Amino acid sequence: MSGPAIPEPSPTRDQDKEIPVTSIRIYDPADGAALPELPPLPIGVLVVGTAELLQQAADLPQPRFIFIYDGQAVSLQFAPEQASVRAVTRWALRFGSVMTSQPGTGTDGPETWYRTDFDYYGIAVTAYAHIPAAPAST
């Protein structure tokens, strides 16, 4: 006598395949490993970041020249006049930095170099002015 066919057990689909597993390592400063370096920003992103910086500082004196470097840096050059000392100081105060000065020699003689350095969302910013020394009084 024959009866209904009894199917043989078959493996489930999950047992047929390997399950890919992805592991994500979360940075833990306690393990002593250094943070991985981020890739450099493209020059176009630096330009946009500089435009945002200038917009945020719209109420400050504006630089005479702006230099954007692919090394993740921006320089803001102010005019070679005494008013630029105050301008660089105001930029330093706005962005939590200090202004430094040092004597130097320019193409037309002695100068004082004023500068401040600060970070703006990962972009190294330098604001500076080279002010010619006042003529010596006789």
C-alpha atoms as a PDB file:
ATOM      1  CA  MET A   1       0.000   0.000   0.000  1.00  0.00           C
ATOM      2  CA  SER A   2       1.230   3.339  -0.787  1.00  0.00           C
ATOM      3  CA  GLY A   3       0.506   6.446   1.130  1.00  0.00           C
ATOM      4  CA  PRO A   4       1.081  10.121   0.727  1.00  0.00           C
ATOM      5  CA  ALA A   5       4.636  11.098  -0.061  1.00  0.00           C
ATOM      6  CA  ILE A   6       6.478  12.464   2.896  1.00  0.00           C
ATOM      7  CA  PRO A   7       8.890  15.183   1.865  1.00  0.00           C
ATOM      8  CA  GLU A   8      12.437  14.841   3.013  1.00  0.00           C
ATOM      9  CA  PRO A   9      13.613  17.579   5.301  1.00  0.00           C
ATOM     10  CA  SER A  10      15.431  20.339   3.439  1.00  0.00           C
ATOM     11  CA  PRO A  11      17.758  22.889   4.930  1.00  0.00           C
ATOM     12  CA  THR A  12      16.304  26.336   5.424  1.00  0.00           C
ATOM     13  CA  ARG A  13      17.532  29.093   3.154  1.00  0.00           C
ATOM     14  CA  ASP A  14      19.479  30.719   5.995  1.00  0.00           C
ATOM     15  CA  GLN A  15      21.509  27.567   6.419  1.00  0.00           C
ATOM     16  CA  ASP A  16      22.397  27.412   2.734  1.00  0.00           C
ATOM     17  CA  LYS A  17      24.325  30.696   2.620  1.00  0.00           C
ATOM     18  CA  GLU A  18      26.963  32.423   4.620  1.00  0.00           C
ATOM     19  CA  ILE A  19      25.729  35.559   6.284  1.00  0.00           C
ATOM     20  CA  PRO A  20      28.045  38.481   5.581  1.00  0.00           C
ATOM     21  CA  VAL A  21      28.983  40.303   8.740  1.00  0.00           C
ATOM     22  CA  THR A  22      30.274  43.842   8.864  1.00  0.00           C
ATOM     23  CA  SER A  23      32.112  45.046  11.887  1.00  0.00           C
ATOM     24  CA  ILE A  24      32.471  48.708  12.665  1.00  0.00           C
ATOM     25  CA  ARG A  25      35.252  49.847  14.928  1.00  0.00           C
ATOM     26  CA  ILE A  26      34.299  52.732  17.153  1.00  0.00           C
ATOM     27  CA  TYR A  27      37.095  55.082  18.163  1.00  0.00           C
ATOM     28  CA  ASP A  28      37.934  54.762  21.849  1.00  0.00           C
ATOM     29  CA  PRO A  29      40.503  57.286  23.118  1.00  0.00           C
ATOM     30  CA  ALA A  30      41.205  54.992  26.080  1.00  0.00           C
ATOM     31  CA  ASP A  31      42.814  52.340  23.861  1.00  0.00           C
ATOM     32  CA  GLY A  32      45.612  54.751  22.885  1.00  0.00           C
ATOM     33  CA  ALA A  33      45.086  54.505  19.125  1.00  0.00           C
ATOM     34  CA  ALA A  34      45.451  57.727  17.155  1.00  0.00           C
ATOM     35  CA  LEU A  35      42.501  59.107  15.255  1.00  0.00           C
ATOM     36  CA  PRO A  36      42.702  58.325  11.555  1.00  0.00           C
ATOM     37  CA  GLU A  37      43.548  61.318   9.372  1.00  0.00           C
ATOM     38  CA  LEU A  38      40.755  62.760   7.318  1.00  0.00           C
ATOM     39  CA  PRO A  39      41.366  63.173   3.609  1.00  0.00           C
ATOM     40  CA  PRO A  40      42.171  66.746   2.515  1.00  0.00           C
ATOM     41  CA  LEU A  41      39.276  68.916   1.431  1.00  0.00           C
ATOM     42  CA  PRO A  42      39.007  69.694  -2.286  1.00  0.00           C
ATOM     43  CA  ILE A  43      39.883  73.281  -3.230  1.00  0.00           C
ATOM     44  CA  GLY A  44      36.223  74.009  -4.045  1.00  0.00           C
ATOM     45  CA  VAL A  45      35.218  73.118  -0.486  1.00  0.00           C
ATOM     46  CA  LEU A  46      37.957  75.435   0.820  1.00  0.00           C
ATOM     47  CA  VAL A  47      36.532  78.242  -1.325  1.00  0.00           C
ATOM     48  CA  VAL A  48      33.039  77.657   0.086  1.00  0.00           C
ATOM     49  CA  GLY A  49      34.452  77.531   3.629  1.00  0.00           C
ATOM     50  CA  THR A  50      36.280  80.811   3.033  1.00  0.00           C
ATOM     51  CA  ALA A  51      33.087  82.429   1.735  1.00  0.00           C
ATOM     52  CA  GLU A  52      31.280  81.270   4.891  1.00  0.00           C
ATOM     53  CA  LEU A  53      34.114  82.654   7.028  1.00  0.00           C
ATOM     54  CA  LEU A  54      33.838  86.041   5.308  1.00  0.00           C
ATOM     55  CA  GLN A  55      30.054  85.991   5.730  1.00  0.00           C
ATOM     56  CA  GLN A  56      30.417  85.249   9.447  1.00  0.00           C
ATOM     57  CA  ALA A  57      32.875  88.147   9.704  1.00  0.00           C
ATOM     58  CA  ALA A  58      30.897  90.558   7.510  1.00  0.00           C
ATOM     59  CA  ASP A  59      30.894  93.183  10.273  1.00  0.00           C
ATOM     60  CA  LEU A  60      34.710  93.085  10.579  1.00  0.00           C
ATOM     61  CA  PRO A  61      37.191  94.941   8.360  1.00  0.00           C
ATOM     62  CA  GLN A  62      37.648  92.926   5.187  1.00  0.00           C
ATOM     63  CA  PRO A  63      41.027  91.775   3.866  1.00  0.00           C
ATOM     64  CA  ARG A  64      42.697  93.268   0.829  1.00  0.00           C
ATOM     65  CA  PHE A  65      43.758  89.873  -0.564  1.00  0.00           C
ATOM     66  CA  ILE A  66      42.660  86.282   0.103  1.00  0.00           C
ATOM     67  CA  PHE A  67      44.887  83.307  -0.646  1.00  0.00           C
ATOM     68  CA  ILE A  68      43.475  79.764  -0.617  1.00  0.00           C
ATOM     69  CA  TYR A  69      45.965  76.891  -0.487  1.00  0.00           C
ATOM     70  CA  ASP A  70      45.308  73.249  -1.264  1.00  0.00           C
ATOM     71  CA  GLY A  71      47.181  72.464   1.969  1.00  0.00           C
ATOM     72  CA  GLN A  72      43.955  73.233   3.904  1.00  0.00           C
ATOM     73  CA  ALA A  73      44.936  76.832   4.641  1.00  0.00           C
ATOM     74  CA  VAL A  74      43.655  80.332   3.951  1.00  0.00           C
ATOM     75  CA  SER A  75      45.545  83.617   4.347  1.00  0.00           C
ATOM     76  CA  LEU A  76      43.857  86.980   4.706  1.00  0.00           C
ATOM     77  CA  GLN A  77      46.132  89.924   3.929  1.00  0.00           C
ATOM     78  CA  PHE A  78      45.195  93.390   5.137  1.00  0.00           C
ATOM     79  CA  ALA A  79      46.397  96.700   3.711  1.00  0.00           C
ATOM     80  CA  PRO A  80      49.841  97.998   4.750  1.00  0.00           C
ATOM     81  CA  GLU A  81      48.411 100.783   6.902  1.00  0.00           C
ATOM     82  CA  GLN A  82      48.077 101.418  10.617  1.00  0.00           C
ATOM     83  CA  ALA A  83      44.311 100.724  10.613  1.00  0.00           C
ATOM     84  CA  SER A  84      45.079  97.100   9.740  1.00  0.00           C
ATOM     85  CA  VAL A  85      46.590  96.529  13.192  1.00  0.00           C
ATOM     86  CA  ARG A  86      43.145  97.042  14.681  1.00  0.00           C
ATOM     87  CA  ALA A  87      41.574  94.928  11.901  1.00  0.00           C
ATOM     88  CA  VAL A  88      43.819  91.933  12.618  1.00  0.00           C
ATOM     89  CA  THR A  89      43.187  92.384  16.353  1.00  0.00           C
ATOM     90  CA  ARG A  90      39.418  92.304  15.802  1.00  0.00           C
ATOM     91  CA  TRP A  91      39.698  89.105  13.730  1.00  0.00           C
ATOM     92  CA  ALA A  92      41.801  87.547  16.500  1.00  0.00           C
ATOM     93  CA  LEU A  93      39.214  88.456  19.136  1.00  0.00           C
ATOM     94  CA  ARG A  94      36.283  87.221  17.039  1.00  0.00           C
ATOM     95  CA  PHE A  95      37.838  83.813  16.398  1.00  0.00           C
ATOM     96  CA  GLY A  96      39.404  83.246  19.828  1.00  0.00           C
ATOM     97  CA  SER A  97      43.020  83.850  18.955  1.00  0.00           C
ATOM     98  CA  VAL A  98      45.767  86.293  19.858  1.00  0.00           C
ATOM     99  CA  MET A  99      47.630  88.710  17.657  1.00  0.00           C
ATOM    100  CA  THR A 100      51.407  88.655  17.538  1.00  0.00           C
ATOM    101  CA  SER A 101      53.819  91.193  16.119  1.00  0.00           C
ATOM    102  CA  GLN A 102      57.444  91.070  15.146  1.00  0.00           C
ATOM    103  CA  PRO A 103      59.847  93.331  13.317  1.00  0.00           C
ATOM    104  CA  GLY A 104      60.693  92.479   9.744  1.00  0.00           C
ATOM    105  CA  THR A 105      62.190  93.907   6.599  1.00  0.00           C
ATOM    106  CA  GLY A 106      60.028  94.572   3.575  1.00  0.00           C
ATOM    107  CA  THR A 107      60.929  95.711   0.091  1.00  0.00           C
ATOM    108  CA  ASP A 108      60.807  99.349   1.217  1.00  0.00           C
ATOM    109  CA  GLY A 109      62.582  98.974   4.534  1.00  0.00           C
ATOM    110  CA  PRO A 110      61.664  98.051   8.084  1.00  0.00           C
ATOM    111  CA  GLU A 111      58.134  96.825   8.825  1.00  0.00           C
ATOM    112  CA  THR A 112      56.195  95.366  11.706  1.00  0.00           C
ATOM    113  CA  TRP A 113      54.435  92.112  10.881  1.00  0.00           C
ATOM    114  CA  TYR A 114      51.112  91.550  12.678  1.00  0.00           C
ATOM    115  CA  ARG A 115      49.337  88.207  12.483  1.00  0.00           C
ATOM    116  CA  THR A 116      46.801  85.931  14.058  1.00  0.00           C
ATOM    117  CA  ASP A 117      46.235  82.227  13.409  1.00  0.00           C
ATOM    118  CA  PHE A 118      43.043  80.307  14.106  1.00  0.00           C
ATOM    119  CA  ASP A 119      41.123  77.254  12.981  1.00  0.00           C
ATOM    120  CA  TYR A 120      37.837  77.579  11.097  1.00  0.00           C
ATOM    121  CA  TYR A 121      36.146  74.165  10.831  1.00  0.00           C
ATOM    122  CA  GLY A 122      39.425  72.407  10.103  1.00  0.00           C
ATOM    123  CA  ILE A 123      40.839  75.117   7.837  1.00  0.00           C
ATOM    124  CA  ALA A 124      43.978  76.865   9.116  1.00  0.00           C
ATOM    125  CA  VAL A 125      43.425  80.615   8.784  1.00  0.00           C
ATOM    126  CA  THR A 126      46.097  83.310   9.027  1.00  0.00           C
ATOM    127  CA  ALA A 127      45.134  86.978   9.038  1.00  0.00           C
ATOM    128  CA  TYR A 128      48.052  89.373   8.730  1.00  0.00           C
ATOM    129  CA  ALA A 129      49.317  92.825   7.826  1.00  0.00           C
ATOM    130  CA  HIS A 130      52.831  94.155   7.192  1.00  0.00           C
ATOM    131  CA  ILE A 131      52.939  97.771   8.338  1.00  0.00           C
ATOM    132  CA  PRO A 132      55.873  99.945   7.218  1.00  0.00           C
ATOM    133  CA  ALA A 133      57.762 101.544  10.078  1.00  0.00           C
ATOM    134  CA  ALA A 134      57.073 105.204  10.602  1.00  0.00           C
ATOM    135  CA  PRO A 135      59.888 107.467   9.445  1.00  0.00           C
ATOM    136  CA  ALA A 136      62.284 108.412  12.217  1.00  0.00           C
ATOM    137  CA  SER A 137      61.798 111.927  13.495  1.00  0.00           C
ATOM    138  CA  THR A 138      64.823 114.211  13.512  1.00  0.00           C
END
